[in-house]
Amino acid sequence: MVWLRDRRLAWLPVACVAAYFVWRLFFSDGRPTPRMNENAPPVRMAEALARDVPHYFNGLGTVIPSVDVLVTSRVDGQLLRLHFSEGQRVNAGDLLAEIDPRPFQAALDEALGSLARDQAQLENARRDLARYAKLVAGNFIAAQQYETQRALTRQYEGTVEADKAAVAAARLQLEYSRVIAPASGRLGLRHIDEGNMIKSSDANGLVRITEDSPCDVVFTLPESRTPLVIRALRQREDDPSLPPLPVEVWDQEEKNRLASGVLLSLDNQIDASTGTIRLKARFPNRDGALYPNQFVNARLLAQTLHGVVVVPAGAVQLGARGAYVFVVDKDKIVRVRDVKTGIIVGWLTVIDNGLEPHEFVVTDGVDRLRDGIAVHVPEMEQKGAIP
């Protein structure tokens, strides 16, 4: 049995060689297996790409209605009827409430009576003036009597004009007893019930009308953003064909976009106490996603940078000489490259100078790197690029 075991051991090298050739024939692609440099630190890298990058400014804002009117009575009196329901949409000119009109009708009738009386006196004075004019022409009466009659006629003319004004005022008071909607919009909760006495000086009024479709958002930006916004607005003033600056509003957690609109204007001065400037944007809000006094996050697209080089923000390092990146060449050698960075948008950093598109930069594992050393990059990361 010993000789049989020795024969098996003699065949073992032959079997290993045969297995190797079978693997090369059926499983290997014929290329030599690369050797890993155990001293090369592993890194992750990404490809620098040329992209159009939107430049957003973010600010906190509040939704305000495009119309906000407190409906009040212009006269004092008893509220007889309300002609609306809470939450109802109304149009400008719709009847909202009626105040007891009888005192105002009585005042109008009195003014009309005074006007009729004074008009009769004026007509009589004018007839006497015409008769006196003939008599004074024939020297039948003194000129003084004629002048007195003419002055009396003018006095009655003034009285009639005052009576006409009193009639107009009384008629206006009667019209004010019918409270009309001054604007279109949605009604809020009523502040008074039928049967109560109301006054024109009441601070609460009858009801409030607001229009939230469209609505506006007032938000603030740091004063450092002001020059770029002003420049963009002036470009659109000089060239009306340019589209308005777009604005998006997001919820407080910045997870859901609520609406999209356009910038209307910015304030004419900076708030010195906060160092911010206020801007206003308009939103159609047809779906009612925005509600008056709602707090939102506003994003203003101030400009779009075209064809700029971008890399992941983690690739940019800061040192004593400024910003730099580790560039990986085709031989997997890293080189330190000084760069000039631009804006940061999300997880991307714009490289204004120092890097070309399609160069690869290290994004992870920079702690052990120095200029000129070799690195190990897994095959998956070699094919990786900025999505």
Protein backbone atom coordinates (compact mmCIF):
# COMPACT_ATOMS: atom_id res chain seq x y z
CA MET A 1 0.00 0.00 0.00
CA VAL A 2 2.97 2.30 0.49
CA TRP A 3 3.92 2.12 -3.16
CA LEU A 4 0.32 3.03 -4.16
CA ARG A 5 0.37 6.15 -1.95
CA ASP A 6 3.71 7.23 -3.44
CA ARG A 7 2.29 6.93 -6.98
CA ARG A 8 -0.66 9.23 -6.02
CA LEU A 9 1.69 11.86 -4.65
CA ALA A 10 3.72 11.73 -7.87
CA TRP A 11 0.62 12.53 -9.93
CA LEU A 12 -0.34 15.61 -7.79
CA PRO A 13 1.91 18.15 -9.62
CA VAL A 14 0.64 16.91 -12.96
CA ALA A 15 -3.00 17.43 -11.83
CA CYS A 16 -2.28 21.00 -10.67
CA VAL A 17 -0.70 21.95 -14.00
CA ALA A 18 -3.63 20.46 -15.87
CA ALA A 19 -6.13 22.40 -13.70
CA TYR A 20 -4.27 25.64 -14.37
CA PHE A 21 -4.46 25.20 -18.16
CA VAL A 22 -8.16 24.32 -17.94
CA TRP A 23 -8.76 27.56 -16.00
CA ARG A 24 -6.79 29.60 -18.54
CA LEU A 25 -8.72 27.99 -21.40
CA PHE A 26 -12.28 28.28 -20.08
CA PHE A 27 -12.34 30.96 -17.38
CA SER A 28 -9.53 33.43 -17.98
CA ASP A 29 -9.68 36.22 -20.59
CA GLY A 30 -6.03 35.71 -21.40
CA ARG A 31 -4.83 38.91 -19.75
CA PRO A 32 -2.24 38.80 -16.99
CA THR A 33 -3.66 39.12 -13.52
CA PRO A 34 -2.75 42.55 -12.15
CA ARG A 35 -0.84 42.68 -8.95
CA MET A 36 -2.05 44.94 -6.21
CA ASN A 37 0.41 47.29 -4.66
CA GLU A 38 -0.24 46.55 -1.03
CA ASN A 39 1.31 49.90 -0.02
CA ALA A 40 -1.04 51.95 -2.29
CA PRO A 41 -3.87 53.44 -0.17
CA PRO A 42 -7.39 52.72 -1.44
CA VAL A 43 -9.38 55.75 -2.60
CA ARG A 44 -12.61 56.63 -4.26
CA MET A 45 -12.72 59.04 -7.13
CA ALA A 46 -15.18 60.77 -9.47
CA GLU A 47 -14.97 62.36 -12.86
CA ALA A 48 -15.05 66.13 -13.25
CA LEU A 49 -17.80 67.05 -15.70
CA ALA A 50 -18.91 70.16 -17.56
CA ARG A 51 -22.48 71.05 -16.68
CA ASP A 52 -25.07 73.78 -16.67
CA VAL A 53 -25.47 74.63 -12.99
CA PRO A 54 -28.48 76.55 -11.61
CA HIS A 55 -27.55 79.13 -9.00
CA TYR A 56 -30.26 79.32 -6.34
CA PHE A 57 -30.69 81.77 -3.48
CA ASN A 58 -32.61 80.43 -0.49
CA GLY A 59 -34.65 82.51 1.93
CA LEU A 60 -37.45 82.24 4.47
CA GLY A 61 -40.79 83.62 3.36
CA THR A 62 -44.42 84.15 4.25
CA VAL A 63 -47.43 83.68 2.00
CA ILE A 64 -49.61 86.78 1.66
CA PRO A 65 -52.82 87.14 -0.36
CA SER A 66 -52.75 89.24 -3.50
CA VAL A 67 -55.90 90.97 -2.17
CA ASP A 68 -56.57 91.58 1.51
CA VAL A 69 -59.52 93.84 2.32
CA LEU A 70 -61.34 94.36 5.60
CA VAL A 71 -64.99 95.06 4.81
CA THR A 72 -66.35 97.77 7.11
CA SER A 73 -69.52 99.81 7.27
CA ARG A 74 -69.32 103.45 6.18
CA VAL A 75 -72.36 104.43 8.24
CA ASP A 76 -73.68 103.78 11.73
CA GLY A 77 -76.87 101.79 12.18
CA GLN A 78 -78.49 98.46 12.90
CA LEU A 79 -77.38 95.47 10.82
CA LEU A 80 -80.53 94.03 9.27
CA ARG A 81 -79.29 91.23 7.00
CA LEU A 82 -76.13 89.43 5.94
CA HIS A 83 -76.09 88.20 2.35
CA PHE A 84 -73.06 85.92 2.49
CA SER A 85 -71.79 82.69 3.99
CA GLU A 86 -68.43 82.29 5.66
CA GLY A 87 -65.79 80.98 3.26
CA GLN A 88 -67.83 81.97 0.20
CA ARG A 89 -66.18 83.41 -2.91
CA VAL A 90 -67.57 86.78 -3.94
CA ASN A 91 -67.05 89.19 -6.80
CA ALA A 92 -66.49 92.91 -6.54
CA GLY A 93 -69.90 94.63 -6.32
CA ASP A 94 -71.77 91.76 -4.67
CA LEU A 95 -74.16 92.73 -1.86
CA LEU A 96 -72.79 91.57 1.50
CA ALA A 97 -75.00 93.23 4.13
CA GLU A 98 -77.85 95.68 4.65
CA ILE A 99 -78.07 98.30 7.38
CA ASP A 100 -81.44 99.74 8.40
CA PRO A 101 -81.99 102.34 5.62
CA ARG A 102 -84.91 104.27 7.19
CA PRO A 103 -82.89 106.97 8.96
CA PHE A 104 -80.93 107.63 5.79
CA GLN A 105 -84.08 107.68 3.65
CA ALA A 106 -85.61 110.24 6.02
CA ALA A 107 -82.50 112.41 5.81
CA LEU A 108 -82.65 112.22 2.02
CA ASP A 109 -86.31 113.22 1.96
CA GLU A 110 -85.57 116.17 4.20
CA ALA A 111 -82.74 117.29 1.95
CA LEU A 112 -84.96 116.98 -1.11
CA GLY A 113 -87.64 119.09 0.56
CA SER A 114 -85.16 121.85 1.41
CA LEU A 115 -83.92 121.80 -2.16
CA ALA A 116 -87.44 122.14 -3.58
CA ARG A 117 -88.23 125.07 -1.26
CA ASP A 118 -85.04 126.95 -2.06
CA GLN A 119 -85.40 126.31 -5.78
CA ALA A 120 -88.86 127.93 -5.65
CA GLN A 121 -87.46 130.97 -3.85
CA LEU A 122 -84.68 131.20 -6.42
CA GLU A 123 -87.12 131.13 -9.33
CA ASN A 124 -89.19 133.91 -7.71
CA ALA A 125 -86.06 135.98 -7.06
CA ARG A 126 -84.98 135.60 -10.70
CA ARG A 127 -88.40 136.81 -11.96
CA ASP A 128 -88.21 139.84 -9.64
CA LEU A 129 -84.67 140.54 -10.85
CA ALA A 130 -85.80 140.51 -14.47
CA ARG A 131 -88.65 142.93 -13.68
CA TYR A 132 -86.32 145.24 -11.72
CA ALA A 133 -83.91 145.28 -14.61
CA LYS A 134 -86.61 146.80 -16.86
CA LEU A 135 -87.66 149.31 -14.24
CA VAL A 136 -84.17 150.54 -13.53
CA ALA A 137 -83.57 150.92 -17.23
CA GLY A 138 -86.53 153.36 -17.36
CA ASN A 139 -85.47 155.12 -14.18
CA PHE A 140 -88.64 153.98 -12.42
CA ILE A 141 -86.75 152.56 -9.44
CA ALA A 142 -83.46 153.32 -7.83
CA ALA A 143 -80.39 151.36 -8.96
CA GLN A 144 -79.79 150.36 -5.35
CA GLN A 145 -83.02 148.37 -5.28
CA TYR A 146 -81.97 146.48 -8.39
CA GLU A 147 -78.56 145.63 -6.91
CA THR A 148 -80.20 144.39 -3.72
CA GLN A 149 -82.44 142.08 -5.71
CA ARG A 150 -79.49 140.74 -7.69
CA ALA A 151 -77.59 139.98 -4.48
CA LEU A 152 -80.63 138.17 -3.09
CA THR A 153 -80.85 136.07 -6.26
CA ARG A 154 -77.20 135.06 -5.93
CA GLN A 155 -77.81 134.15 -2.32
CA TYR A 156 -80.63 131.80 -3.32
CA GLU A 157 -78.44 130.31 -6.03
CA GLY A 158 -75.82 129.46 -3.40
CA THR A 159 -78.47 127.99 -1.13
CA VAL A 160 -79.74 125.75 -3.92
CA GLU A 161 -76.21 124.50 -4.65
CA ALA A 162 -75.76 123.69 -0.96
CA ASP A 163 -79.09 121.88 -0.96
CA LYS A 164 -78.00 119.81 -3.98
CA ALA A 165 -74.84 118.84 -2.13
CA ALA A 166 -76.88 117.86 0.92
CA VAL A 167 -79.13 115.72 -1.26
CA ALA A 168 -76.09 114.00 -2.80
CA ALA A 169 -74.63 113.35 0.65
CA ALA A 170 -77.90 111.96 1.96
CA ARG A 171 -78.29 109.74 -1.11
CA LEU A 172 -74.72 108.50 -0.63
CA GLN A 173 -75.43 107.66 3.01
CA LEU A 174 -78.47 105.71 1.86
CA GLU A 175 -76.31 103.80 -0.65
CA TYR A 176 -73.77 103.07 2.08
CA SER A 177 -76.49 101.28 4.04
CA ARG A 178 -75.97 98.50 1.48
CA VAL A 179 -72.47 97.07 2.09
CA ILE A 180 -70.92 96.04 -1.22
CA ALA A 181 -67.89 93.79 -1.73
CA PRO A 182 -65.01 96.12 -2.66
CA ALA A 183 -62.94 93.31 -4.25
CA SER A 184 -63.19 89.74 -5.45
CA GLY A 185 -61.94 86.93 -3.26
CA ARG A 186 -62.81 84.51 -0.52
CA LEU A 187 -64.61 85.59 2.63
CA GLY A 188 -63.35 84.74 6.07
CA LEU A 189 -65.29 84.43 9.31
CA ARG A 190 -67.87 87.12 10.02
CA HIS A 191 -67.19 89.44 12.93
CA ILE A 192 -70.75 90.50 13.72
CA ASP A 193 -74.26 89.04 13.59
CA GLU A 194 -77.54 90.41 12.34
CA GLY A 195 -79.37 92.72 14.72
CA ASN A 196 -76.28 94.34 16.20
CA MET A 197 -75.57 98.03 16.03
CA ILE A 198 -72.48 98.73 13.97
CA LYS A 199 -70.36 101.82 13.54
CA SER A 200 -68.05 102.99 10.83
CA SER A 201 -65.30 103.26 13.43
CA ASP A 202 -65.43 99.55 14.36
CA ALA A 203 -61.89 98.16 14.01
CA ASN A 204 -63.01 94.56 13.38
CA GLY A 205 -65.35 95.36 10.52
CA LEU A 206 -67.86 92.90 9.11
CA VAL A 207 -65.67 90.33 7.35
CA ARG A 208 -62.32 90.07 5.57
CA ILE A 209 -61.87 89.31 1.87
CA THR A 210 -58.64 87.67 0.71
CA GLU A 211 -57.56 86.43 -2.70
CA ASP A 212 -55.12 83.50 -2.61
CA SER A 213 -55.26 82.61 -6.29
CA PRO A 214 -52.96 84.22 -7.23
CA CYS A 215 -51.04 84.87 -4.05
CA ASP A 216 -47.65 86.34 -3.18
CA VAL A 217 -44.68 85.24 -1.09
CA VAL A 218 -42.50 87.80 0.65
CA PHE A 219 -39.08 86.41 1.53
CA THR A 220 -35.70 87.76 2.59
CA LEU A 221 -32.17 87.33 1.26
CA PRO A 222 -28.82 88.47 2.68
CA GLU A 223 -27.73 91.86 1.39
CA SER A 224 -24.72 90.22 -0.27
CA ARG A 225 -27.14 88.66 -2.79
CA THR A 226 -28.63 92.00 -3.75
CA PRO A 227 -26.22 93.03 -6.58
CA LEU A 228 -26.77 89.80 -8.51
CA VAL A 229 -30.56 90.04 -8.19
CA ILE A 230 -30.56 93.70 -9.24
CA ARG A 231 -28.39 92.90 -12.25
CA ALA A 232 -30.73 90.10 -13.31
CA LEU A 233 -33.79 92.36 -12.96
CA ARG A 234 -32.19 95.16 -14.96
CA GLN A 235 -31.32 92.72 -17.72
CA ARG A 236 -35.01 91.90 -17.99
CA GLU A 237 -35.94 95.58 -17.99
CA ASP A 238 -33.55 96.17 -20.89
CA ASP A 239 -34.68 93.03 -22.70
CA PRO A 240 -38.39 92.29 -22.06
CA SER A 241 -38.09 89.05 -24.05
CA LEU A 242 -36.14 87.47 -21.20
CA PRO A 243 -38.33 85.32 -18.94
CA PRO A 244 -38.95 86.47 -15.35
CA LEU A 245 -36.74 85.07 -12.62
CA PRO A 246 -38.32 81.80 -11.43
CA VAL A 247 -39.02 81.21 -7.75
CA GLU A 248 -39.96 77.95 -6.04
CA VAL A 249 -41.47 77.54 -2.59
CA TRP A 250 -40.93 74.46 -0.46
CA ASP A 251 -42.42 73.35 2.82
CA GLN A 252 -40.71 74.03 6.15
CA GLU A 253 -38.78 70.74 6.02
CA GLU A 254 -37.71 71.48 2.42
CA LYS A 255 -38.92 68.05 1.36
CA ASN A 256 -41.89 68.96 -0.86
CA ARG A 257 -42.10 71.66 -3.50
CA LEU A 258 -45.39 73.49 -3.04
CA ALA A 259 -45.55 75.87 -5.99
CA SER A 260 -43.60 77.61 -8.74
CA GLY A 261 -43.87 81.29 -9.59
CA VAL A 262 -41.92 84.35 -10.71
CA LEU A 263 -40.18 87.23 -8.96
CA LEU A 264 -42.20 90.45 -8.97
CA SER A 265 -39.88 92.95 -7.31
CA LEU A 266 -37.52 93.62 -4.45
CA ASP A 267 -37.68 96.26 -1.76
CA ASN A 268 -36.07 99.66 -2.29
CA GLN A 269 -33.90 99.44 0.81
CA ILE A 270 -31.99 96.97 2.95
CA ASP A 271 -33.10 96.34 6.51
CA ALA A 272 -30.12 97.64 8.48
CA SER A 273 -31.11 95.74 11.63
CA THR A 274 -30.99 92.31 9.95
CA GLY A 275 -28.78 92.93 6.93
CA THR A 276 -31.41 91.47 4.61
CA ILE A 277 -33.58 92.66 1.75
CA ARG A 278 -37.18 91.70 1.10
CA LEU A 279 -38.42 90.30 -2.21
CA LYS A 280 -41.89 89.49 -3.49
CA ALA A 281 -42.85 86.64 -5.82
CA ARG A 282 -46.21 85.85 -7.44
CA PHE A 283 -47.71 82.33 -7.63
CA PRO A 284 -50.87 81.22 -9.49
CA ASN A 285 -51.77 78.84 -6.62
CA ARG A 286 -54.64 77.29 -8.54
CA ASP A 287 -54.49 74.16 -6.40
CA GLY A 288 -54.57 76.11 -3.14
CA ALA A 289 -51.27 74.66 -1.89
CA LEU A 290 -50.30 78.04 -0.45
CA TYR A 291 -52.31 79.63 2.34
CA PRO A 292 -52.11 83.18 3.69
CA ASN A 293 -49.56 83.63 6.52
CA GLN A 294 -48.02 80.22 5.81
CA PHE A 295 -44.25 80.00 6.41
CA VAL A 296 -42.31 78.57 3.46
CA ASN A 297 -38.78 78.26 2.10
CA ALA A 298 -38.25 80.23 -1.10
CA ARG A 299 -35.66 79.39 -3.78
CA LEU A 300 -34.84 82.09 -6.32
CA LEU A 301 -33.04 81.00 -9.50
CA ALA A 302 -30.76 84.02 -9.87
CA GLN A 303 -28.72 82.69 -12.80
CA THR A 304 -27.62 79.56 -14.64
CA LEU A 305 -23.90 78.90 -15.10
CA HIS A 306 -23.38 77.24 -18.48
CA GLY A 307 -20.73 74.60 -19.15
CA VAL A 308 -18.85 74.94 -15.85
CA VAL A 309 -16.66 72.20 -14.36
CA VAL A 310 -18.16 70.54 -11.29
CA VAL A 311 -16.84 67.97 -8.82
CA PRO A 312 -18.29 66.50 -5.64
CA ALA A 313 -17.83 68.86 -2.72
CA GLY A 314 -15.84 66.18 -0.86
CA ALA A 315 -13.09 66.34 -3.48
CA VAL A 316 -12.13 69.92 -2.59
CA GLN A 317 -9.62 70.28 0.22
CA LEU A 318 -8.55 73.45 2.00
CA GLY A 319 -4.99 74.16 3.01
CA ALA A 320 -2.67 76.99 3.84
CA ARG A 321 -2.38 77.92 0.18
CA GLY A 322 -6.11 77.68 -0.51
CA ALA A 323 -8.32 75.11 -2.21
CA TYR A 324 -6.83 72.06 -3.92
CA VAL A 325 -7.78 68.61 -5.20
CA PHE A 326 -6.00 65.30 -5.69
CA VAL A 327 -6.04 64.44 -9.40
CA VAL A 328 -5.57 60.77 -10.39
CA ASP A 329 -3.76 60.17 -13.70
CA LYS A 330 -4.00 57.10 -15.93
CA ASP A 331 -1.17 55.43 -14.01
CA LYS A 332 -3.09 55.83 -10.73
CA ILE A 333 -0.66 58.44 -9.48
CA VAL A 334 -2.18 61.34 -7.52
CA ARG A 335 -1.09 64.92 -8.08
CA VAL A 336 -1.99 67.90 -5.96
CA ARG A 337 -3.72 70.55 -8.05
CA ASP A 338 -4.52 74.05 -6.84
CA VAL A 339 -8.01 75.14 -7.92
CA LYS A 340 -10.23 78.17 -7.70
CA THR A 341 -13.68 77.24 -6.48
CA GLY A 342 -16.99 78.89 -7.30
CA ILE A 343 -20.45 78.34 -5.90
CA ILE A 344 -21.58 75.20 -4.11
CA VAL A 345 -24.90 73.79 -5.33
CA GLY A 346 -26.12 70.87 -3.29
CA TRP A 347 -23.26 68.34 -3.14
CA LEU A 348 -21.44 69.77 -6.16
CA THR A 349 -18.75 72.45 -6.18
CA VAL A 350 -18.07 74.56 -9.25
CA ILE A 351 -14.38 74.78 -10.20
CA ASP A 352 -13.70 78.11 -11.85
CA ASN A 353 -10.05 77.42 -12.64
CA GLY A 354 -7.47 74.61 -12.30
CA LEU A 355 -9.38 71.55 -13.50
CA GLU A 356 -10.53 70.29 -16.87
CA PRO A 357 -13.54 68.13 -17.70
CA HIS A 358 -13.04 64.35 -17.61
CA GLU A 359 -10.18 64.48 -15.14
CA PHE A 360 -10.58 62.24 -12.10
CA VAL A 361 -10.34 63.56 -8.56
CA VAL A 362 -10.19 61.73 -5.25
CA THR A 363 -13.40 62.04 -3.24
CA ASP A 364 -12.67 59.69 -0.34
CA GLY A 365 -9.48 58.48 1.32
CA VAL A 366 -7.48 61.69 1.15
CA ASP A 367 -6.05 61.38 4.67
CA ARG A 368 -3.11 59.20 3.57
CA LEU A 369 -2.41 60.94 0.28
CA ARG A 370 0.51 63.08 -0.74
CA ASP A 371 1.68 64.36 -4.08
CA GLY A 372 3.14 61.69 -6.39
CA ILE A 373 2.13 58.47 -4.64
CA ALA A 374 0.27 55.58 -6.23
CA VAL A 375 -3.24 54.74 -5.15
CA HIS A 376 -5.49 51.74 -5.40
CA VAL A 377 -8.87 52.34 -7.05
CA PRO A 378 -11.43 49.52 -7.22
CA GLU A 379 -12.67 48.76 -10.71
CA MET A 380 -16.16 49.99 -9.84
CA GLU A 381 -14.83 53.39 -8.81
CA GLN A 382 -12.72 53.71 -11.97
CA LYS A 383 -15.92 53.66 -14.01
CA GLY A 384 -17.75 55.97 -11.63
CA ALA A 385 -18.76 59.45 -12.63
CA ILE A 386 -20.91 62.23 -11.29
CA PRO A 387 -24.52 61.13 -11.89
